């Protein structure tokens, strides 16, 4: 196969320069520190996306449906923040830096469906609901109660249905992140 190969030897007699080159080679052979710094920046960027309720590219997340806001109000949760009713998802992310890269992850089982969006298919099921019956007025309170606070129980069938979750991307690399990562790389290589 035609081609060209050039070999060149450089002799360095400067001890300080040799030490700096050895340090640079060592840094390149073990980039965990670099990936740790990048991962920490990306974790902060992800938290910022939750706070601003937007994708890494700046696109705002789809707002909550009115029914979701009302349900949160009934449960005395924060009614208007997206993906942060209790803060479990937003506070669950962790960082892992290795010699091969950095990764952010969450152990929360619903993290992927909120990031990617999708449809959840719920099968039909039987359920017992608990309510309160008032004998004096002969009325059945339509509010659901805990079993120990009710005096009336009935079995109901909940039909099969689907729940559509819109995609709300919270992780990724924005243009600003790219610039910062290049700066992190430059700082890291300079030592």
Foldseek 3Di string as FASTA:
>chain_A
DDDDDDDDDDDDPDPVVVVLVVVLVVCLQAVLVLQVVLQVVQLVQLLVCQVVCAALQRHHDDFDDPVQLVVLVVVVFPRGRPPPRPDQQSPFWDWDTGSVHIDIDGPDPCNVCQAAWDKDKDAKDKDKFFWAADPVVRDTDPDTDDPVPGDDIDMDIDHIDMDTHDHRHRGDAYPVSVVVSVVSVVVSSVD
